[in-house]
N, C-alpha and C. Protein backbone atom coordinates (compact mmCIF):
# COMPACT_ATOMS: atom_id res chain seq x y z
N UNK A 1 140.29 102.31 -119.53
CA UNK A 1 138.98 101.71 -119.75
C UNK A 1 138.15 101.81 -118.48
N UNK A 2 136.91 102.23 -118.63
CA UNK A 2 136.03 102.42 -117.48
C UNK A 2 135.64 101.07 -116.86
N UNK A 3 135.69 101.03 -115.55
CA UNK A 3 135.26 99.84 -114.82
C UNK A 3 133.75 99.92 -114.61
N UNK A 4 133.02 99.00 -115.17
CA UNK A 4 131.57 98.98 -115.04
C UNK A 4 131.17 98.10 -113.87
N UNK A 5 130.15 98.50 -113.16
CA UNK A 5 129.62 97.69 -112.08
C UNK A 5 128.15 98.00 -111.89
N UNK A 6 127.35 96.97 -112.01
CA UNK A 6 125.90 97.09 -111.87
C UNK A 6 125.42 96.00 -110.92
N UNK A 7 124.34 96.29 -110.24
CA UNK A 7 123.85 95.37 -109.23
C UNK A 7 122.36 95.13 -109.39
N UNK A 8 121.95 93.90 -109.14
CA UNK A 8 120.53 93.61 -108.90
C UNK A 8 120.46 93.30 -107.41
N UNK A 9 119.33 93.64 -106.82
CA UNK A 9 119.23 93.46 -105.37
C UNK A 9 117.80 93.17 -104.97
N UNK A 10 117.67 92.57 -103.80
CA UNK A 10 116.35 92.31 -103.22
C UNK A 10 116.33 92.92 -101.83
N UNK A 11 115.28 93.71 -101.58
CA UNK A 11 115.05 94.32 -100.27
C UNK A 11 113.82 93.70 -99.63
N UNK A 12 113.75 93.85 -98.33
CA UNK A 12 112.56 93.48 -97.60
C UNK A 12 112.37 94.47 -96.45
N UNK A 13 111.31 94.27 -95.69
CA UNK A 13 111.05 95.11 -94.52
C UNK A 13 111.45 94.37 -93.25
N UNK A 14 111.20 94.96 -92.10
CA UNK A 14 111.61 94.36 -90.82
C UNK A 14 111.00 92.98 -90.59
N UNK A 15 109.78 92.77 -91.06
CA UNK A 15 109.12 91.49 -90.82
C UNK A 15 109.30 90.50 -91.97
N UNK A 16 110.08 90.87 -92.96
CA UNK A 16 110.41 90.00 -94.10
C UNK A 16 109.20 89.54 -94.90
N UNK A 17 108.15 90.32 -94.94
CA UNK A 17 106.97 89.87 -95.67
C UNK A 17 106.74 90.60 -96.99
N UNK A 18 107.58 91.59 -97.30
CA UNK A 18 107.49 92.31 -98.58
C UNK A 18 108.83 92.16 -99.27
N UNK A 19 108.81 91.87 -100.58
CA UNK A 19 110.04 91.77 -101.36
C UNK A 19 110.03 92.80 -102.48
N UNK A 20 111.19 93.41 -102.70
CA UNK A 20 111.36 94.36 -103.79
C UNK A 20 112.66 94.04 -104.50
N UNK A 21 112.59 93.94 -105.83
CA UNK A 21 113.78 93.67 -106.64
C UNK A 21 114.10 94.90 -107.47
N UNK A 22 115.37 95.30 -107.48
CA UNK A 22 115.77 96.47 -108.23
C UNK A 22 117.13 96.29 -108.89
N UNK A 23 117.51 97.29 -109.68
CA UNK A 23 118.81 97.30 -110.35
C UNK A 23 119.41 98.70 -110.19
N UNK A 24 120.73 98.78 -110.06
CA UNK A 24 121.40 100.07 -109.85
C UNK A 24 122.86 99.99 -110.29
N UNK A 25 123.45 101.15 -110.51
CA UNK A 25 124.88 101.18 -110.80
C UNK A 25 125.70 101.54 -109.56
N UNK A 26 125.03 101.81 -108.45
CA UNK A 26 125.72 102.09 -107.19
C UNK A 26 124.88 101.54 -106.04
N UNK A 27 125.26 100.38 -105.57
CA UNK A 27 124.48 99.73 -104.51
C UNK A 27 124.52 100.55 -103.21
N UNK A 28 125.67 101.18 -102.93
CA UNK A 28 125.76 101.96 -101.69
C UNK A 28 124.85 103.18 -101.75
N UNK A 29 124.92 103.94 -102.84
CA UNK A 29 124.05 105.12 -102.97
C UNK A 29 122.58 104.71 -102.93
N UNK A 30 122.25 103.65 -103.65
CA UNK A 30 120.85 103.23 -103.72
C UNK A 30 120.34 102.79 -102.35
N UNK A 31 121.18 102.10 -101.58
CA UNK A 31 120.75 101.69 -100.24
C UNK A 31 120.56 102.89 -99.32
N UNK A 32 121.41 103.89 -99.47
CA UNK A 32 121.23 105.11 -98.68
C UNK A 32 119.89 105.76 -99.04
N UNK A 33 119.56 105.77 -100.32
CA UNK A 33 118.26 106.32 -100.75
C UNK A 33 117.11 105.51 -100.17
N UNK A 34 117.21 104.19 -100.18
CA UNK A 34 116.14 103.36 -99.62
C UNK A 34 116.03 103.56 -98.10
N UNK A 35 117.16 103.57 -97.41
CA UNK A 35 117.12 103.70 -95.95
C UNK A 35 116.58 105.05 -95.49
N UNK A 36 116.73 106.08 -96.33
CA UNK A 36 116.25 107.41 -95.97
C UNK A 36 114.91 107.74 -96.63
N UNK A 37 114.37 106.77 -97.38
CA UNK A 37 113.09 106.97 -98.10
C UNK A 37 113.16 108.20 -99.02
N UNK A 38 114.30 108.34 -99.68
CA UNK A 38 114.53 109.45 -100.60
C UNK A 38 113.48 109.50 -101.71
N UNK A 39 113.18 108.35 -102.28
CA UNK A 39 112.14 108.25 -103.31
C UNK A 39 110.85 107.76 -102.66
N UNK A 40 109.77 108.47 -102.90
CA UNK A 40 108.50 108.17 -102.24
C UNK A 40 107.69 107.16 -103.04
N UNK A 41 108.24 105.97 -103.22
CA UNK A 41 107.56 104.94 -103.99
C UNK A 41 107.26 103.72 -103.15
N UNK A 42 107.27 102.58 -103.80
CA UNK A 42 106.91 101.30 -103.18
C UNK A 42 107.76 101.01 -101.95
N UNK A 43 109.07 101.15 -102.07
CA UNK A 43 109.94 100.77 -100.95
C UNK A 43 109.74 101.68 -99.74
N UNK A 44 109.50 102.95 -99.98
CA UNK A 44 109.24 103.86 -98.86
C UNK A 44 107.91 103.52 -98.20
N UNK A 45 106.90 103.28 -99.02
CA UNK A 45 105.56 102.96 -98.50
C UNK A 45 105.57 101.69 -97.66
N UNK A 46 106.37 100.71 -98.08
CA UNK A 46 106.39 99.41 -97.40
C UNK A 46 107.61 99.22 -96.50
N UNK A 47 108.33 100.31 -96.27
CA UNK A 47 109.50 100.29 -95.37
C UNK A 47 110.53 99.22 -95.74
N UNK A 48 110.81 99.09 -97.02
CA UNK A 48 111.81 98.13 -97.50
C UNK A 48 113.18 98.78 -97.42
N UNK A 49 113.88 98.53 -96.34
CA UNK A 49 115.18 99.14 -96.11
C UNK A 49 116.26 98.10 -95.81
N UNK A 50 115.90 96.85 -95.88
CA UNK A 50 116.80 95.76 -95.50
C UNK A 50 117.26 95.02 -96.75
N UNK A 51 118.55 95.10 -97.04
CA UNK A 51 119.14 94.43 -98.19
C UNK A 51 119.42 92.97 -97.82
N UNK A 52 118.74 92.04 -98.50
CA UNK A 52 118.92 90.63 -98.15
C UNK A 52 119.60 89.82 -99.25
N UNK A 53 119.76 90.43 -100.45
CA UNK A 53 120.40 89.71 -101.54
C UNK A 53 120.87 90.69 -102.59
N UNK A 54 122.04 90.41 -103.19
CA UNK A 54 122.45 91.19 -104.35
C UNK A 54 123.47 90.40 -105.17
N UNK A 55 123.54 90.77 -106.45
CA UNK A 55 124.50 90.20 -107.39
C UNK A 55 125.15 91.36 -108.13
N UNK A 56 126.40 91.17 -108.53
CA UNK A 56 127.16 92.19 -109.24
C UNK A 56 127.37 91.77 -110.69
N UNK A 57 127.23 92.71 -111.61
CA UNK A 57 127.42 92.46 -113.04
C UNK A 57 128.30 93.55 -113.64
N UNK A 58 129.05 93.19 -114.67
CA UNK A 58 129.89 94.16 -115.35
C UNK A 58 129.09 94.99 -116.35
N UNK A 59 128.06 94.42 -116.92
CA UNK A 59 127.31 95.08 -117.99
C UNK A 59 125.85 95.28 -117.58
N UNK A 60 125.32 96.46 -117.90
CA UNK A 60 123.95 96.81 -117.53
C UNK A 60 122.93 95.87 -118.18
N UNK A 61 123.18 95.44 -119.40
CA UNK A 61 122.24 94.53 -120.07
C UNK A 61 122.09 93.22 -119.30
N UNK A 62 123.20 92.71 -118.79
CA UNK A 62 123.15 91.48 -117.99
C UNK A 62 122.36 91.70 -116.70
N UNK A 63 122.61 92.83 -116.06
CA UNK A 63 121.93 93.14 -114.79
C UNK A 63 120.43 93.29 -115.01
N UNK A 64 120.03 93.99 -116.07
CA UNK A 64 118.61 94.19 -116.35
C UNK A 64 117.95 92.86 -116.69
N UNK A 65 118.63 92.03 -117.47
CA UNK A 65 118.07 90.71 -117.82
C UNK A 65 117.86 89.87 -116.57
N UNK A 66 118.83 89.92 -115.64
CA UNK A 66 118.70 89.16 -114.39
C UNK A 66 117.59 89.73 -113.51
N UNK A 67 117.47 91.04 -113.46
CA UNK A 67 116.39 91.66 -112.69
C UNK A 67 115.04 91.19 -113.22
N UNK A 68 114.87 91.20 -114.54
CA UNK A 68 113.62 90.76 -115.15
C UNK A 68 113.34 89.29 -114.84
N UNK A 69 114.40 88.47 -114.88
CA UNK A 69 114.25 87.05 -114.58
C UNK A 69 113.76 86.85 -113.15
N UNK A 70 114.37 87.56 -112.22
CA UNK A 70 113.97 87.44 -110.81
C UNK A 70 112.55 87.94 -110.61
N UNK A 71 112.22 89.10 -111.19
CA UNK A 71 110.87 89.66 -111.03
C UNK A 71 109.81 88.74 -111.62
N UNK A 72 110.15 88.03 -112.69
CA UNK A 72 109.18 87.14 -113.34
C UNK A 72 109.00 85.84 -112.56
N UNK A 73 109.92 85.54 -111.68
CA UNK A 73 109.85 84.30 -110.91
C UNK A 73 108.83 84.39 -109.79
N UNK A 74 108.50 83.26 -109.26
CA UNK A 74 107.54 83.19 -108.16
C UNK A 74 108.16 83.72 -106.87
N UNK A 75 107.32 84.01 -105.91
CA UNK A 75 107.80 84.43 -104.60
C UNK A 75 108.69 83.34 -104.00
N UNK A 76 108.30 82.09 -104.19
CA UNK A 76 109.09 80.98 -103.64
C UNK A 76 110.49 80.95 -104.24
N UNK A 77 110.62 81.24 -105.52
CA UNK A 77 111.95 81.28 -106.14
C UNK A 77 112.80 82.38 -105.54
N UNK A 78 112.18 83.52 -105.25
CA UNK A 78 112.91 84.62 -104.60
C UNK A 78 113.34 84.21 -103.19
N UNK A 79 112.45 83.57 -102.46
CA UNK A 79 112.78 83.11 -101.11
C UNK A 79 113.93 82.12 -101.16
N UNK A 80 113.89 81.19 -102.12
CA UNK A 80 114.97 80.21 -102.25
C UNK A 80 116.30 80.88 -102.57
N UNK A 81 116.26 81.89 -103.42
CA UNK A 81 117.46 82.63 -103.79
C UNK A 81 118.07 83.32 -102.56
N UNK A 82 117.24 83.99 -101.80
CA UNK A 82 117.71 84.67 -100.58
C UNK A 82 118.25 83.65 -99.59
N UNK A 83 117.47 82.60 -99.34
CA UNK A 83 117.88 81.58 -98.37
C UNK A 83 119.16 80.86 -98.74
N UNK A 84 119.46 80.77 -100.04
CA UNK A 84 120.67 80.07 -100.49
C UNK A 84 121.95 80.78 -100.05
N UNK A 85 121.90 82.10 -99.91
CA UNK A 85 123.12 82.83 -99.54
C UNK A 85 122.99 83.62 -98.24
N UNK A 86 121.76 83.83 -97.77
CA UNK A 86 121.54 84.62 -96.57
C UNK A 86 120.38 84.01 -95.77
N UNK A 87 120.57 82.80 -95.25
CA UNK A 87 119.46 82.09 -94.59
C UNK A 87 118.90 82.79 -93.35
N UNK A 88 119.67 83.66 -92.73
CA UNK A 88 119.18 84.38 -91.55
C UNK A 88 118.52 85.71 -91.93
N UNK A 89 118.52 86.04 -93.21
CA UNK A 89 117.94 87.28 -93.72
C UNK A 89 118.54 88.50 -93.02
N UNK A 90 119.84 88.45 -92.84
CA UNK A 90 120.58 89.56 -92.26
C UNK A 90 120.58 90.73 -93.23
N UNK A 91 120.51 91.95 -92.72
CA UNK A 91 120.63 93.13 -93.56
C UNK A 91 122.09 93.24 -93.98
N UNK A 92 122.35 92.98 -95.25
CA UNK A 92 123.72 92.97 -95.75
C UNK A 92 124.35 94.36 -95.76
N UNK A 93 123.52 95.39 -95.60
CA UNK A 93 124.02 96.76 -95.59
C UNK A 93 123.95 97.39 -94.20
N UNK A 94 123.80 96.56 -93.17
CA UNK A 94 123.58 97.09 -91.82
C UNK A 94 124.69 98.00 -91.32
N UNK A 95 125.92 97.79 -91.78
CA UNK A 95 127.02 98.60 -91.28
C UNK A 95 127.64 99.51 -92.34
N UNK A 96 126.91 99.76 -93.39
CA UNK A 96 127.43 100.61 -94.47
C UNK A 96 127.40 102.09 -94.12
N UNK A 97 126.48 102.51 -93.27
CA UNK A 97 126.31 103.93 -92.95
C UNK A 97 126.15 104.13 -91.46
N UNK A 98 126.65 105.25 -90.99
CA UNK A 98 126.42 105.61 -89.60
C UNK A 98 125.07 106.32 -89.51
N UNK A 99 124.56 106.43 -88.33
CA UNK A 99 123.32 107.18 -88.11
C UNK A 99 123.51 108.63 -88.54
N UNK A 100 124.69 109.18 -88.27
CA UNK A 100 124.97 110.57 -88.67
C UNK A 100 124.95 110.72 -90.19
N UNK A 101 125.49 109.76 -90.92
CA UNK A 101 125.47 109.82 -92.39
C UNK A 101 124.05 109.77 -92.93
N UNK A 102 123.23 108.93 -92.34
CA UNK A 102 121.83 108.83 -92.76
C UNK A 102 121.11 110.14 -92.46
N UNK A 103 121.32 110.69 -91.27
CA UNK A 103 120.69 111.96 -90.90
C UNK A 103 121.14 113.10 -91.81
N UNK A 104 122.42 113.15 -92.13
CA UNK A 104 122.94 114.20 -93.03
C UNK A 104 122.33 114.09 -94.42
N UNK A 105 122.20 112.87 -94.91
CA UNK A 105 121.60 112.67 -96.22
C UNK A 105 120.15 113.13 -96.22
N UNK A 106 119.42 112.79 -95.14
CA UNK A 106 118.02 113.22 -95.03
C UNK A 106 117.90 114.74 -95.03
N UNK A 107 118.80 115.42 -94.33
CA UNK A 107 118.77 116.89 -94.27
C UNK A 107 118.93 117.49 -95.66
N UNK A 108 119.74 116.85 -96.48
CA UNK A 108 120.05 117.38 -97.81
C UNK A 108 118.88 117.39 -98.76
N UNK A 109 117.85 116.58 -98.52
CA UNK A 109 116.73 116.56 -99.47
C UNK A 109 115.43 117.02 -98.86
N UNK A 110 115.42 117.44 -97.61
CA UNK A 110 114.19 117.96 -97.00
C UNK A 110 113.95 119.40 -97.47
N UNK A 111 112.72 119.71 -97.72
CA UNK A 111 112.34 121.05 -98.14
C UNK A 111 111.80 121.78 -96.93
N UNK A 112 112.30 123.00 -96.69
CA UNK A 112 111.79 123.79 -95.57
C UNK A 112 110.38 124.25 -95.86
N UNK A 113 109.54 124.28 -94.83
CA UNK A 113 108.14 124.71 -95.00
C UNK A 113 107.97 126.12 -94.48
């Protein structure tokens, strides 16, 4: 039987003034994408590379429902959620990748001009 694992997560930037909530089936891969600005969207534009909160779910439906609940909540509710488990707003993924791993990943998606 396949082991399912899905995550909802909240990112912020260096100054902790922007919040982004997302869902993924691989928190490590997704954080590498955020840290390298692989996708040129909101998180890249606002430099959201700091993981400050996440939850794990077995089923995607549960994870999506929780993501929607968090997104629908006020900013204060998000702040309270983060502060309840990570009051110092430490980057929970700070030691997941080496600088070399990040650089190698970046090389893999750059297009030569």
